[in-house]
Amino acid sequence: MMNLKIALVALAVAVSSPAFAYNSKSPIIGTWRMTSLQTKDAGGSLVNIPYSGQVIFSQGGTLSVQAMNPDSAAAPTTYTANGYEAYYGPVEIDEAKNTFVITVQSSLVRNLIGQKMERKFEVTEDQLVITPADPKEGWRVTYKRL
């Protein structure tokens, strides 16, 4: 009887857990360390910003981002507060279009909660490049697989 209860509980967890609901073999799945962040300057050229961070695309269908500008007095942006960026949520990956959409579930910047953010990506061996779907945002982040 005890084995049956354990089996039923395990089955209930497996069926209800999002980690088992998402089974992508996408090359983007994994943990990535930021190697560069570039933004456009006033002249439209990409310039390096001294950020560090990581992004994780889980096998369970979630994405989490953490990034930090070493200058804690840096002006806040759409994505940052006190030079720090952190958000998390379910992600949908479109391999055919090389895009993903995250629905922000929690974030350091509360205005992002509930928003859907679309990004373009390119994976080449152990390198990941992410850019905004809207080029007017003017940034590019490069990561290395851990």
N, C-alpha and C. Protein backbone atom coordinates (compact mmCIF):
# COMPACT_ATOMS: atom_id res chain seq x y z
N MET A 1 0.82 -1.18 0.00
CA MET A 1 0.00 0.00 0.00
C MET A 1 0.88 1.26 0.00
N MET A 2 1.97 1.25 0.80
CA MET A 2 2.86 2.40 0.88
C MET A 2 3.52 2.66 -0.48
N ASN A 3 3.94 1.60 -1.18
CA ASN A 3 4.56 1.76 -2.49
C ASN A 3 3.59 2.36 -3.49
N LEU A 4 2.31 2.00 -3.41
CA LEU A 4 1.31 2.55 -4.30
C LEU A 4 1.15 4.05 -4.04
N LYS A 5 1.13 4.47 -2.76
CA LYS A 5 1.01 5.89 -2.42
C LYS A 5 2.22 6.66 -2.96
N ILE A 6 3.41 6.11 -2.78
CA ILE A 6 4.62 6.78 -3.26
C ILE A 6 4.57 6.90 -4.78
N ALA A 7 4.15 5.85 -5.46
CA ALA A 7 4.06 5.88 -6.92
C ALA A 7 3.04 6.91 -7.38
N LEU A 8 1.90 7.02 -6.69
CA LEU A 8 0.89 8.00 -7.06
C LEU A 8 1.37 9.43 -6.85
N VAL A 9 2.07 9.66 -5.75
CA VAL A 9 2.62 10.99 -5.49
C VAL A 9 3.66 11.34 -6.56
N ALA A 10 4.54 10.41 -6.88
CA ALA A 10 5.57 10.65 -7.90
C ALA A 10 4.92 10.94 -9.25
N LEU A 11 3.87 10.22 -9.60
CA LEU A 11 3.17 10.44 -10.85
C LEU A 11 2.51 11.82 -10.86
N ALA A 12 1.89 12.21 -9.76
CA ALA A 12 1.25 13.52 -9.66
C ALA A 12 2.27 14.64 -9.83
N VAL A 13 3.42 14.50 -9.21
CA VAL A 13 4.46 15.51 -9.33
C VAL A 13 4.97 15.57 -10.77
N ALA A 14 5.21 14.43 -11.38
CA ALA A 14 5.72 14.39 -12.74
C ALA A 14 4.75 15.01 -13.73
N VAL A 15 3.47 14.78 -13.56
CA VAL A 15 2.47 15.30 -14.47
C VAL A 15 2.27 16.79 -14.28
N SER A 16 2.34 17.28 -13.05
CA SER A 16 2.06 18.69 -12.79
C SER A 16 3.28 19.59 -12.86
N SER A 17 4.46 19.03 -12.85
CA SER A 17 5.68 19.84 -12.82
C SER A 17 6.02 20.39 -14.20
N PRO A 18 6.25 21.73 -14.31
CA PRO A 18 6.63 22.28 -15.60
C PRO A 18 7.96 21.75 -16.11
N ALA A 19 8.81 21.27 -15.22
CA ALA A 19 10.11 20.76 -15.64
C ALA A 19 9.95 19.56 -16.57
N PHE A 20 8.86 18.84 -16.44
CA PHE A 20 8.63 17.68 -17.30
C PHE A 20 7.78 18.03 -18.50
N ALA A 21 7.20 19.23 -18.51
CA ALA A 21 6.31 19.62 -19.59
C ALA A 21 7.07 20.20 -20.78
N TYR A 22 8.33 20.52 -20.62
CA TYR A 22 9.11 21.20 -21.65
C TYR A 22 10.32 20.34 -21.96
N ASN A 23 10.38 19.82 -23.15
CA ASN A 23 11.47 18.92 -23.49
C ASN A 23 12.15 19.38 -24.77
N SER A 24 12.76 20.55 -24.72
CA SER A 24 13.42 21.09 -25.90
C SER A 24 14.85 20.57 -25.99
N LYS A 25 15.27 20.30 -27.19
CA LYS A 25 16.66 19.92 -27.44
C LYS A 25 17.39 21.10 -28.08
N SER A 26 16.86 22.29 -27.88
CA SER A 26 17.41 23.50 -28.46
C SER A 26 18.86 23.71 -28.01
N PRO A 27 19.71 24.18 -28.91
CA PRO A 27 21.10 24.46 -28.53
C PRO A 27 21.21 25.64 -27.55
N ILE A 28 20.15 26.38 -27.36
CA ILE A 28 20.18 27.52 -26.44
C ILE A 28 20.02 27.08 -24.99
N ILE A 29 19.53 25.86 -24.76
CA ILE A 29 19.31 25.36 -23.40
C ILE A 29 20.66 25.24 -22.69
N GLY A 30 20.74 25.79 -21.49
CA GLY A 30 21.96 25.69 -20.71
C GLY A 30 22.25 26.96 -19.94
N THR A 31 23.43 27.00 -19.36
CA THR A 31 23.89 28.13 -18.57
C THR A 31 24.98 28.85 -19.35
N TRP A 32 24.85 30.16 -19.44
CA TRP A 32 25.73 30.97 -20.25
C TRP A 32 26.29 32.13 -19.43
N ARG A 33 27.59 32.40 -19.55
CA ARG A 33 28.25 33.51 -18.86
C ARG A 33 28.45 34.65 -19.85
N MET A 34 28.08 35.87 -19.44
CA MET A 34 28.22 37.03 -20.30
C MET A 34 29.69 37.33 -20.56
N THR A 35 30.02 37.54 -21.84
CA THR A 35 31.38 37.93 -22.20
C THR A 35 31.43 39.37 -22.69
N SER A 36 30.31 39.88 -23.19
CA SER A 36 30.27 41.29 -23.57
C SER A 36 28.84 41.79 -23.69
N LEU A 37 28.68 43.08 -23.39
CA LEU A 37 27.43 43.80 -23.60
C LEU A 37 27.79 45.03 -24.40
N GLN A 38 27.09 45.22 -25.50
CA GLN A 38 27.33 46.38 -26.33
C GLN A 38 26.03 47.16 -26.50
N THR A 39 26.13 48.48 -26.44
CA THR A 39 24.98 49.34 -26.70
C THR A 39 25.39 50.40 -27.71
N LYS A 40 24.41 50.99 -28.36
CA LYS A 40 24.70 52.02 -29.35
C LYS A 40 24.94 53.35 -28.66
N ASP A 41 25.99 54.04 -29.12
CA ASP A 41 26.25 55.39 -28.61
C ASP A 41 25.44 56.39 -29.42
N ALA A 42 25.62 57.68 -29.15
CA ALA A 42 24.85 58.73 -29.82
C ALA A 42 25.05 58.71 -31.34
N GLY A 43 26.21 58.24 -31.79
CA GLY A 43 26.49 58.16 -33.22
C GLY A 43 25.98 56.90 -33.88
N GLY A 44 25.42 55.97 -33.10
CA GLY A 44 24.88 54.73 -33.65
C GLY A 44 25.86 53.58 -33.69
N SER A 45 27.08 53.78 -33.16
CA SER A 45 28.09 52.71 -33.13
C SER A 45 27.94 51.89 -31.86
N LEU A 46 28.20 50.58 -31.95
CA LEU A 46 28.17 49.73 -30.77
C LEU A 46 29.42 49.95 -29.93
N VAL A 47 29.23 50.16 -28.64
CA VAL A 47 30.34 50.33 -27.71
C VAL A 47 30.21 49.32 -26.58
N ASN A 48 31.34 48.85 -26.05
CA ASN A 48 31.33 47.88 -24.96
C ASN A 48 31.00 48.55 -23.63
N ILE A 49 30.15 47.88 -22.85
CA ILE A 49 29.79 48.32 -21.50
C ILE A 49 30.34 47.25 -20.55
N PRO A 50 30.97 47.64 -19.44
CA PRO A 50 31.62 46.66 -18.55
C PRO A 50 30.65 45.90 -17.64
N TYR A 51 29.81 45.08 -18.21
CA TYR A 51 28.85 44.28 -17.44
C TYR A 51 29.39 42.89 -17.20
N SER A 52 28.84 42.21 -16.20
CA SER A 52 29.06 40.78 -16.00
C SER A 52 27.71 40.17 -15.71
N GLY A 53 27.56 38.88 -15.98
CA GLY A 53 26.28 38.26 -15.70
C GLY A 53 26.15 36.89 -16.33
N GLN A 54 24.93 36.38 -16.23
CA GLN A 54 24.65 35.08 -16.83
C GLN A 54 23.18 34.99 -17.20
N VAL A 55 22.90 34.08 -18.11
CA VAL A 55 21.53 33.76 -18.49
C VAL A 55 21.41 32.23 -18.46
N ILE A 56 20.28 31.76 -17.99
CA ILE A 56 20.03 30.31 -17.92
C ILE A 56 18.72 30.01 -18.63
N PHE A 57 18.79 29.13 -19.61
CA PHE A 57 17.60 28.58 -20.28
C PHE A 57 17.47 27.17 -19.75
N SER A 58 16.46 26.92 -18.93
CA SER A 58 16.33 25.61 -18.30
C SER A 58 15.63 24.61 -19.21
N GLN A 59 15.89 23.36 -18.96
CA GLN A 59 15.21 22.27 -19.65
C GLN A 59 13.72 22.30 -19.31
N GLY A 60 13.38 22.94 -18.19
CA GLY A 60 11.99 23.04 -17.75
C GLY A 60 11.21 24.16 -18.40
N GLY A 61 11.84 24.94 -19.30
CA GLY A 61 11.11 25.97 -20.02
C GLY A 61 11.08 27.32 -19.33
N THR A 62 12.11 27.61 -18.54
CA THR A 62 12.20 28.93 -17.92
C THR A 62 13.51 29.60 -18.32
N LEU A 63 13.52 30.90 -18.15
CA LEU A 63 14.70 31.69 -18.42
C LEU A 63 14.95 32.57 -17.21
N SER A 64 16.20 32.71 -16.81
CA SER A 64 16.54 33.66 -15.76
C SER A 64 17.79 34.42 -16.17
N VAL A 65 17.79 35.72 -15.86
CA VAL A 65 18.87 36.61 -16.23
C VAL A 65 19.34 37.36 -14.99
N GLN A 66 20.65 37.47 -14.86
CA GLN A 66 21.25 38.34 -13.86
C GLN A 66 22.43 39.01 -14.53
N ALA A 67 22.50 40.33 -14.38
CA ALA A 67 23.61 41.07 -14.96
C ALA A 67 23.89 42.28 -14.09
N MET A 68 25.18 42.67 -14.05
CA MET A 68 25.55 43.77 -13.18
C MET A 68 26.54 44.70 -13.87
N ASN A 69 26.27 45.99 -13.74
CA ASN A 69 27.21 47.02 -14.14
C ASN A 69 28.06 47.29 -12.90
N PRO A 70 29.38 47.28 -13.00
CA PRO A 70 30.19 47.50 -11.81
C PRO A 70 29.99 48.90 -11.20
N ASP A 71 29.42 49.81 -11.98
CA ASP A 71 29.12 51.15 -11.49
C ASP A 71 27.71 51.16 -10.89
N SER A 72 27.62 50.97 -9.57
CA SER A 72 26.30 50.90 -8.93
C SER A 72 25.55 52.23 -8.99
N ALA A 73 26.25 53.30 -9.34
CA ALA A 73 25.60 54.60 -9.48
C ALA A 73 25.11 54.84 -10.91
N ALA A 74 25.21 53.81 -11.75
CA ALA A 74 24.77 53.96 -13.13
C ALA A 74 23.29 54.31 -13.18
N ALA A 75 22.92 55.14 -14.14
CA ALA A 75 21.52 55.54 -14.28
C ALA A 75 20.65 54.32 -14.55
N PRO A 76 19.46 54.26 -13.95
CA PRO A 76 18.58 53.13 -14.20
C PRO A 76 18.15 53.09 -15.67
N THR A 77 17.88 51.89 -16.15
CA THR A 77 17.39 51.70 -17.51
C THR A 77 16.05 50.97 -17.44
N THR A 78 15.51 50.64 -18.59
CA THR A 78 14.27 49.88 -18.64
C THR A 78 14.39 48.56 -17.89
N TYR A 79 15.60 47.99 -17.88
CA TYR A 79 15.82 46.66 -17.32
C TYR A 79 16.59 46.65 -16.00
N THR A 80 17.16 47.78 -15.57
CA THR A 80 18.06 47.79 -14.42
C THR A 80 17.64 48.75 -13.31
N ALA A 81 18.10 48.44 -12.12
CA ALA A 81 17.99 49.32 -10.95
C ALA A 81 19.31 49.22 -10.21
N ASN A 82 19.90 50.36 -9.88
CA ASN A 82 21.20 50.40 -9.19
C ASN A 82 22.27 49.60 -9.93
N GLY A 83 22.23 49.63 -11.25
CA GLY A 83 23.23 48.93 -12.05
C GLY A 83 23.05 47.42 -12.09
N TYR A 84 21.87 46.92 -11.68
CA TYR A 84 21.65 45.47 -11.64
C TYR A 84 20.38 45.10 -12.40
N GLU A 85 20.45 43.98 -13.10
CA GLU A 85 19.32 43.46 -13.87
C GLU A 85 19.06 42.04 -13.42
N ALA A 86 17.81 41.74 -13.12
CA ALA A 86 17.44 40.38 -12.73
C ALA A 86 15.97 40.15 -13.04
N TYR A 87 15.69 39.11 -13.81
CA TYR A 87 14.31 38.72 -14.06
C TYR A 87 14.24 37.23 -14.39
N TYR A 88 13.01 36.71 -14.36
CA TYR A 88 12.79 35.28 -14.49
C TYR A 88 11.39 35.06 -15.04
N GLY A 89 11.20 33.96 -15.77
CA GLY A 89 9.86 33.59 -16.21
C GLY A 89 9.88 32.48 -17.24
N PRO A 90 8.69 32.01 -17.61
CA PRO A 90 8.60 30.98 -18.64
C PRO A 90 9.03 31.54 -20.00
N VAL A 91 9.65 30.68 -20.79
CA VAL A 91 10.17 31.11 -22.10
C VAL A 91 9.67 30.16 -23.18
N GLU A 92 9.35 30.75 -24.33
CA GLU A 92 8.97 29.98 -25.51
C GLU A 92 10.04 30.23 -26.57
N ILE A 93 10.63 29.15 -27.07
CA ILE A 93 11.71 29.24 -28.04
C ILE A 93 11.19 28.84 -29.41
N ASP A 94 11.42 29.67 -30.41
CA ASP A 94 11.04 29.37 -31.78
C ASP A 94 12.32 29.12 -32.57
N GLU A 95 12.65 27.85 -32.74
CA GLU A 95 13.89 27.47 -33.43
C GLU A 95 13.91 27.93 -34.87
N ALA A 96 12.76 27.88 -35.55
CA ALA A 96 12.71 28.25 -36.96
C ALA A 96 13.04 29.73 -37.18
N LYS A 97 12.64 30.57 -36.25
CA LYS A 97 12.87 32.00 -36.37
C LYS A 97 14.09 32.48 -35.58
N ASN A 98 14.70 31.57 -34.79
CA ASN A 98 15.81 31.95 -33.89
C ASN A 98 15.38 33.10 -32.97
N THR A 99 14.21 32.93 -32.36
CA THR A 99 13.70 33.91 -31.41
C THR A 99 13.21 33.19 -30.16
N PHE A 100 13.08 33.96 -29.09
CA PHE A 100 12.40 33.46 -27.91
C PHE A 100 11.60 34.59 -27.30
N VAL A 101 10.58 34.21 -26.55
CA VAL A 101 9.75 35.18 -25.85
C VAL A 101 9.69 34.76 -24.39
N ILE A 102 10.07 35.68 -23.51
CA ILE A 102 9.94 35.43 -22.08
C ILE A 102 8.76 36.25 -21.58
N THR A 103 7.95 35.62 -20.73
CA THR A 103 6.91 36.33 -20.01
C THR A 103 7.46 36.54 -18.61
N VAL A 104 7.75 37.78 -18.27
CA VAL A 104 8.42 38.08 -17.01
C VAL A 104 7.48 37.79 -15.84
N GLN A 105 7.90 36.87 -15.00
CA GLN A 105 7.13 36.46 -13.83
C GLN A 105 7.60 37.20 -12.57
N SER A 106 8.90 37.42 -12.45
CA SER A 106 9.44 38.20 -11.34
C SER A 106 10.62 39.00 -11.88
N SER A 107 10.83 40.18 -11.27
CA SER A 107 11.88 41.05 -11.76
C SER A 107 12.27 42.07 -10.70
N LEU A 108 13.54 42.43 -10.70
CA LEU A 108 14.01 43.52 -9.86
C LEU A 108 13.29 44.82 -10.24
N VAL A 109 13.10 45.04 -11.55
CA VAL A 109 12.37 46.19 -12.05
C VAL A 109 10.91 45.76 -12.20
N ARG A 110 10.10 46.18 -11.27
CA ARG A 110 8.72 45.68 -11.18
C ARG A 110 7.85 46.00 -12.39
N ASN A 111 8.19 47.05 -13.14
CA ASN A 111 7.40 47.38 -14.34
C ASN A 111 7.50 46.29 -15.41
N LEU A 112 8.51 45.43 -15.33
CA LEU A 112 8.67 44.36 -16.32
C LEU A 112 7.74 43.17 -16.05
N ILE A 113 7.26 43.03 -14.82
CA ILE A 113 6.44 41.87 -14.45
C ILE A 113 5.18 41.84 -15.32
N GLY A 114 4.97 40.68 -15.93
CA GLY A 114 3.82 40.48 -16.81
C GLY A 114 4.10 40.80 -18.27
N GLN A 115 5.20 41.47 -18.55
CA GLN A 115 5.51 41.81 -19.93
C GLN A 115 6.07 40.61 -20.68
N LYS A 116 5.79 40.58 -21.98
CA LYS A 116 6.40 39.59 -22.87
C LYS A 116 7.50 40.31 -23.62
N MET A 117 8.70 39.73 -23.56
CA MET A 117 9.84 40.34 -24.25
C MET A 117 10.36 39.35 -25.29
N GLU A 118 10.39 39.78 -26.54
CA GLU A 118 10.89 38.94 -27.62
C GLU A 118 12.34 39.30 -27.92
N ARG A 119 13.15 38.27 -28.12
CA ARG A 119 14.56 38.44 -28.41
C ARG A 119 14.96 37.54 -29.57
N LYS A 120 15.98 37.97 -30.31
CA LYS A 120 16.59 37.13 -31.35
C LYS A 120 17.82 36.48 -30.73
N PHE A 121 18.16 35.29 -31.23
CA PHE A 121 19.37 34.63 -30.73
C PHE A 121 20.08 33.89 -31.84
N GLU A 122 21.37 33.69 -31.61
CA GLU A 122 22.19 32.90 -32.51
C GLU A 122 23.17 32.10 -31.66
N VAL A 123 23.18 30.79 -31.85
CA VAL A 123 24.12 29.92 -31.15
C VAL A 123 25.11 29.38 -32.17
N THR A 124 26.40 29.61 -31.88
CA THR A 124 27.47 29.07 -32.71
C THR A 124 28.43 28.38 -31.77
N GLU A 125 28.46 27.04 -31.84
CA GLU A 125 29.26 26.22 -30.94
C GLU A 125 28.95 26.61 -29.49
N ASP A 126 29.92 27.17 -28.76
CA ASP A 126 29.70 27.53 -27.36
C ASP A 126 29.49 29.03 -27.16
N GLN A 127 29.00 29.71 -28.18
CA GLN A 127 28.74 31.14 -28.07
C GLN A 127 27.27 31.42 -28.37
N LEU A 128 26.68 32.30 -27.57
CA LEU A 128 25.28 32.72 -27.73
C LEU A 128 25.28 34.23 -27.86
N VAL A 129 24.59 34.73 -28.88
CA VAL A 129 24.41 36.17 -29.05
C VAL A 129 22.92 36.46 -29.00
N ILE A 130 22.54 37.40 -28.15
CA ILE A 130 21.14 37.80 -28.00
C ILE A 130 21.02 39.27 -28.37
N THR A 131 20.01 39.58 -29.18
CA THR A 131 19.71 40.95 -29.56
C THR A 131 18.21 41.17 -29.41
N PRO A 132 17.78 42.42 -29.29
CA PRO A 132 16.34 42.67 -29.18
C PRO A 132 15.64 42.42 -30.51
N ALA A 133 14.37 42.07 -30.45
CA ALA A 133 13.59 41.91 -31.68
C ALA A 133 13.44 43.27 -32.37
N ASP A 134 13.39 44.33 -31.58
CA ASP A 134 13.30 45.69 -32.11
C ASP A 134 14.70 46.30 -32.14
N PRO A 135 15.30 46.43 -33.33
CA PRO A 135 16.67 46.94 -33.42
C PRO A 135 16.84 48.35 -32.85
N LYS A 136 15.76 49.09 -32.69
CA LYS A 136 15.84 50.44 -32.13
C LYS A 136 16.35 50.43 -30.69
N GLU A 137 16.20 49.27 -30.01
CA GLU A 137 16.71 49.18 -28.63
C GLU A 137 18.23 49.29 -28.60
N GLY A 138 18.89 48.83 -29.66
CA GLY A 138 20.31 49.08 -29.84
C GLY A 138 21.27 48.43 -28.86
N TRP A 139 21.13 47.14 -28.60
CA TRP A 139 22.10 46.45 -27.75
C TRP A 139 22.35 45.05 -28.30
N ARG A 140 23.43 44.47 -27.81
CA ARG A 140 23.84 43.10 -28.21
C ARG A 140 24.60 42.50 -27.04
N VAL A 141 24.22 41.28 -26.63
CA VAL A 141 24.89 40.60 -25.54
C VAL A 141 25.46 39.29 -26.06
N THR A 142 26.70 39.01 -25.69
CA THR A 142 27.36 37.77 -26.09
C THR A 142 27.67 36.97 -24.84
N TYR A 143 27.44 35.66 -24.92
CA TYR A 143 27.66 34.75 -23.79
C TYR A 143 28.51 33.56 -24.23
N LYS A 144 29.14 32.92 -23.28
CA LYS A 144 29.88 31.68 -23.49
C LYS A 144 29.24 30.60 -22.65
N ARG A 145 29.06 29.41 -23.23
CA ARG A 145 28.45 28.30 -22.50
C ARG A 145 29.35 27.86 -21.34
N LEU A 146 28.75 27.64 -20.19
CA LEU A 146 29.50 27.14 -19.03
C LEU A 146 29.50 25.63 -19.02
